[in-house]
Amino acid sequence: MSYCVKDVRDIMSKIDLGDDMEIQTISVLEAARKLGIGKTLAYDSVKRGEIPVIRMGSRFRVPVRALEKLLEEGGRVPADG
């Protein structure tokens, strides 16, 4: 049986890492799914600073806690400072 990258990511996201190894970031596409929006809108929102991200090379990762806070606050990104 062969797996594509998406299958491997889906499998890995379902693995229980235990209490001390919790997934801290998700992809922009995963965040889009959680928010119920499309990939294009999600990346546009990242560019506008509406979805908080950590950039690693050419990749963007969305911190899970920041996404949860964004959802709790009704989509308002708190101002820095």
N, C-alpha and C. Protein backbone atom coordinates (compact mmCIF):
# COMPACT_ATOMS: atom_id res chain seq x y z
N MET A 1 0.85 -1.17 0.00
CA MET A 1 0.00 0.00 0.00
C MET A 1 0.89 1.23 0.00
N SER A 2 0.56 2.20 -0.83
CA SER A 2 1.36 3.43 -0.84
C SER A 2 0.50 4.59 -0.33
N TYR A 3 1.18 5.54 0.29
CA TYR A 3 0.51 6.69 0.86
C TYR A 3 1.04 7.96 0.21
N CYS A 4 0.15 8.92 -0.01
CA CYS A 4 0.61 10.23 -0.47
C CYS A 4 0.88 11.09 0.76
N VAL A 5 1.49 12.24 0.55
CA VAL A 5 1.85 13.13 1.66
C VAL A 5 0.62 13.49 2.49
N LYS A 6 -0.50 13.77 1.83
CA LYS A 6 -1.72 14.13 2.55
C LYS A 6 -2.16 13.00 3.47
N ASP A 7 -2.10 11.74 2.97
CA ASP A 7 -2.48 10.60 3.81
C ASP A 7 -1.59 10.51 5.04
N VAL A 8 -0.30 10.68 4.85
CA VAL A 8 0.64 10.61 5.97
C VAL A 8 0.34 11.70 6.98
N ARG A 9 0.09 12.92 6.49
CA ARG A 9 -0.24 14.02 7.41
C ARG A 9 -1.52 13.72 8.18
N ASP A 10 -2.54 13.17 7.49
CA ASP A 10 -3.79 12.83 8.16
C ASP A 10 -3.56 11.78 9.24
N ILE A 11 -2.75 10.77 8.93
CA ILE A 11 -2.45 9.73 9.90
C ILE A 11 -1.69 10.32 11.08
N MET A 12 -0.67 11.15 10.79
CA MET A 12 0.14 11.74 11.86
C MET A 12 -0.70 12.63 12.76
N SER A 13 -1.69 13.34 12.19
CA SER A 13 -2.50 14.25 13.01
C SER A 13 -3.39 13.48 13.97
N LYS A 14 -3.61 12.19 13.71
CA LYS A 14 -4.47 11.38 14.56
C LYS A 14 -3.70 10.60 15.62
N ILE A 15 -2.38 10.63 15.55
CA ILE A 15 -1.57 9.90 16.52
C ILE A 15 -1.59 10.63 17.86
N ASP A 16 -1.86 9.90 18.92
CA ASP A 16 -1.86 10.47 20.26
C ASP A 16 -0.42 10.63 20.72
N LEU A 17 0.01 11.86 20.89
CA LEU A 17 1.38 12.12 21.29
C LEU A 17 1.55 12.16 22.81
N GLY A 18 0.46 11.97 23.53
CA GLY A 18 0.53 12.01 24.99
C GLY A 18 0.39 13.44 25.48
N ASP A 19 0.26 13.58 26.79
CA ASP A 19 0.05 14.89 27.39
C ASP A 19 1.24 15.82 27.22
N ASP A 20 2.45 15.27 27.19
CA ASP A 20 3.63 16.12 27.14
C ASP A 20 4.07 16.45 25.71
N MET A 21 3.47 15.84 24.70
CA MET A 21 3.84 16.10 23.31
C MET A 21 2.59 16.47 22.50
N GLU A 22 2.13 17.65 22.66
CA GLU A 22 0.93 18.12 22.00
C GLU A 22 1.33 18.93 20.77
N ILE A 23 0.59 18.78 19.68
CA ILE A 23 0.88 19.52 18.46
C ILE A 23 0.65 21.01 18.73
N GLN A 24 1.65 21.82 18.43
CA GLN A 24 1.61 23.25 18.74
C GLN A 24 1.22 24.12 17.54
N THR A 25 1.48 23.63 16.33
CA THR A 25 1.17 24.42 15.13
C THR A 25 0.48 23.54 14.10
N ILE A 26 -0.27 24.20 13.21
CA ILE A 26 -0.91 23.51 12.09
C ILE A 26 -0.65 24.32 10.83
N SER A 27 -0.88 23.70 9.70
CA SER A 27 -0.67 24.40 8.43
C SER A 27 -1.78 25.43 8.20
N VAL A 28 -1.54 26.33 7.27
CA VAL A 28 -2.55 27.32 6.92
C VAL A 28 -3.79 26.62 6.36
N LEU A 29 -3.59 25.57 5.59
CA LEU A 29 -4.71 24.81 5.04
C LEU A 29 -5.54 24.16 6.14
N GLU A 30 -4.88 23.59 7.15
CA GLU A 30 -5.61 23.01 8.29
C GLU A 30 -6.37 24.09 9.05
N ALA A 31 -5.75 25.26 9.21
CA ALA A 31 -6.43 26.37 9.88
C ALA A 31 -7.65 26.81 9.07
N ALA A 32 -7.50 26.85 7.75
CA ALA A 32 -8.62 27.22 6.88
C ALA A 32 -9.79 26.26 7.08
N ARG A 33 -9.48 24.98 7.15
CA ARG A 33 -10.54 23.99 7.36
C ARG A 33 -11.25 24.22 8.68
N LYS A 34 -10.47 24.50 9.74
CA LYS A 34 -11.06 24.74 11.06
C LYS A 34 -11.92 26.00 11.07
N LEU A 35 -11.52 26.99 10.26
CA LEU A 35 -12.26 28.24 10.19
C LEU A 35 -13.42 28.19 9.19
N GLY A 36 -13.45 27.15 8.37
CA GLY A 36 -14.51 27.02 7.37
C GLY A 36 -14.34 27.97 6.20
N ILE A 37 -13.08 28.25 5.85
CA ILE A 37 -12.79 29.14 4.72
C ILE A 37 -11.89 28.41 3.73
N GLY A 38 -11.76 28.98 2.56
CA GLY A 38 -10.92 28.39 1.53
C GLY A 38 -9.45 28.73 1.70
N LYS A 39 -8.62 28.00 0.95
CA LYS A 39 -7.17 28.18 1.03
C LYS A 39 -6.75 29.59 0.61
N THR A 40 -7.34 30.12 -0.45
CA THR A 40 -6.96 31.45 -0.93
C THR A 40 -7.27 32.52 0.10
N LEU A 41 -8.48 32.46 0.67
CA LEU A 41 -8.85 33.43 1.70
C LEU A 41 -7.94 33.30 2.91
N ALA A 42 -7.58 32.07 3.27
CA ALA A 42 -6.70 31.86 4.42
C ALA A 42 -5.34 32.51 4.18
N TYR A 43 -4.73 32.28 3.01
CA TYR A 43 -3.43 32.88 2.74
C TYR A 43 -3.52 34.40 2.62
N ASP A 44 -4.62 34.91 2.06
CA ASP A 44 -4.82 36.36 2.02
C ASP A 44 -4.93 36.92 3.44
N SER A 45 -5.61 36.20 4.32
CA SER A 45 -5.75 36.63 5.71
C SER A 45 -4.42 36.61 6.44
N VAL A 46 -3.57 35.64 6.10
CA VAL A 46 -2.21 35.60 6.66
C VAL A 46 -1.45 36.84 6.22
N LYS A 47 -1.52 37.18 4.93
CA LYS A 47 -0.80 38.35 4.41
C LYS A 47 -1.26 39.65 5.07
N ARG A 48 -2.56 39.72 5.41
CA ARG A 48 -3.11 40.92 6.06
C ARG A 48 -2.90 40.91 7.57
N GLY A 49 -2.35 39.81 8.10
CA GLY A 49 -2.13 39.72 9.54
C GLY A 49 -3.35 39.32 10.33
N GLU A 50 -4.39 38.83 9.67
CA GLU A 50 -5.62 38.44 10.35
C GLU A 50 -5.53 37.03 10.94
N ILE A 51 -4.68 36.21 10.37
CA ILE A 51 -4.40 34.88 10.93
C ILE A 51 -2.94 34.90 11.36
N PRO A 52 -2.68 34.70 12.66
CA PRO A 52 -1.29 34.75 13.15
C PRO A 52 -0.51 33.52 12.66
N VAL A 53 0.72 33.75 12.23
CA VAL A 53 1.55 32.65 11.75
C VAL A 53 2.98 32.78 12.25
N ILE A 54 3.67 31.65 12.20
CA ILE A 54 5.12 31.60 12.41
C ILE A 54 5.69 31.19 11.06
N ARG A 55 6.65 31.94 10.58
CA ARG A 55 7.26 31.61 9.29
C ARG A 55 8.52 30.79 9.52
N MET A 56 8.61 29.66 8.84
CA MET A 56 9.80 28.80 8.90
C MET A 56 10.25 28.57 7.46
N GLY A 57 11.27 29.33 7.05
CA GLY A 57 11.69 29.27 5.65
C GLY A 57 10.57 29.80 4.78
N SER A 58 10.12 28.98 3.84
CA SER A 58 9.02 29.40 2.96
C SER A 58 7.67 28.90 3.48
N ARG A 59 7.67 28.23 4.63
CA ARG A 59 6.43 27.68 5.17
C ARG A 59 5.85 28.57 6.26
N PHE A 60 4.54 28.57 6.33
CA PHE A 60 3.82 29.26 7.39
C PHE A 60 3.16 28.21 8.27
N ARG A 61 3.29 28.37 9.59
CA ARG A 61 2.60 27.50 10.53
C ARG A 61 1.74 28.37 11.44
N VAL A 62 0.54 27.92 11.72
CA VAL A 62 -0.40 28.65 12.56
C VAL A 62 -0.34 28.05 13.97
N PRO A 63 0.03 28.86 14.97
CA PRO A 63 0.03 28.35 16.34
C PRO A 63 -1.39 27.99 16.77
N VAL A 64 -1.57 26.79 17.28
CA VAL A 64 -2.90 26.31 17.67
C VAL A 64 -3.53 27.23 18.72
N ARG A 65 -2.74 27.61 19.73
CA ARG A 65 -3.27 28.49 20.80
C ARG A 65 -3.73 29.83 20.24
N ALA A 66 -2.97 30.38 19.31
CA ALA A 66 -3.35 31.67 18.73
C ALA A 66 -4.63 31.54 17.91
N LEU A 67 -4.78 30.43 17.20
CA LEU A 67 -6.00 30.20 16.43
C LEU A 67 -7.20 30.04 17.35
N GLU A 68 -7.01 29.30 18.45
CA GLU A 68 -8.09 29.14 19.43
C GLU A 68 -8.48 30.49 20.02
N LYS A 69 -7.50 31.31 20.35
CA LYS A 69 -7.77 32.64 20.91
C LYS A 69 -8.50 33.52 19.89
N LEU A 70 -8.09 33.43 18.63
CA LEU A 70 -8.75 34.18 17.55
C LEU A 70 -10.22 33.79 17.47
N LEU A 71 -10.50 32.50 17.56
CA LEU A 71 -11.89 32.03 17.50
C LEU A 71 -12.68 32.49 18.72
N GLU A 72 -12.05 32.45 19.89
CA GLU A 72 -12.73 32.88 21.12
C GLU A 72 -13.07 34.36 21.07
N GLU A 73 -12.20 35.15 20.44
CA GLU A 73 -12.39 36.60 20.41
C GLU A 73 -13.19 37.05 19.19
N GLY A 74 -13.79 36.11 18.51
CA GLY A 74 -14.65 36.46 17.39
C GLY A 74 -13.92 36.99 16.18
N GLY A 75 -12.68 36.57 15.99
CA GLY A 75 -11.94 36.97 14.80
C GLY A 75 -11.15 38.25 14.93
N ARG A 76 -11.18 38.87 16.10
CA ARG A 76 -10.40 40.10 16.29
C ARG A 76 -8.99 39.76 16.70
N VAL A 77 -8.03 40.25 15.95
CA VAL A 77 -6.62 40.04 16.30
C VAL A 77 -6.21 41.13 17.26
N PRO A 78 -5.77 40.75 18.49
CA PRO A 78 -5.38 41.77 19.46
C PRO A 78 -4.20 42.61 18.96
N ALA A 79 -4.26 43.90 19.22
CA ALA A 79 -3.15 44.80 18.80
C ALA A 79 -1.96 44.56 19.70
N ASP A 80 -0.75 44.60 19.11
CA ASP A 80 0.47 44.45 19.91
C ASP A 80 0.73 45.74 20.66
N GLY A 81 1.34 45.57 21.83
CA GLY A 81 1.78 46.77 22.54
C GLY A 81 1.11 47.03 23.78
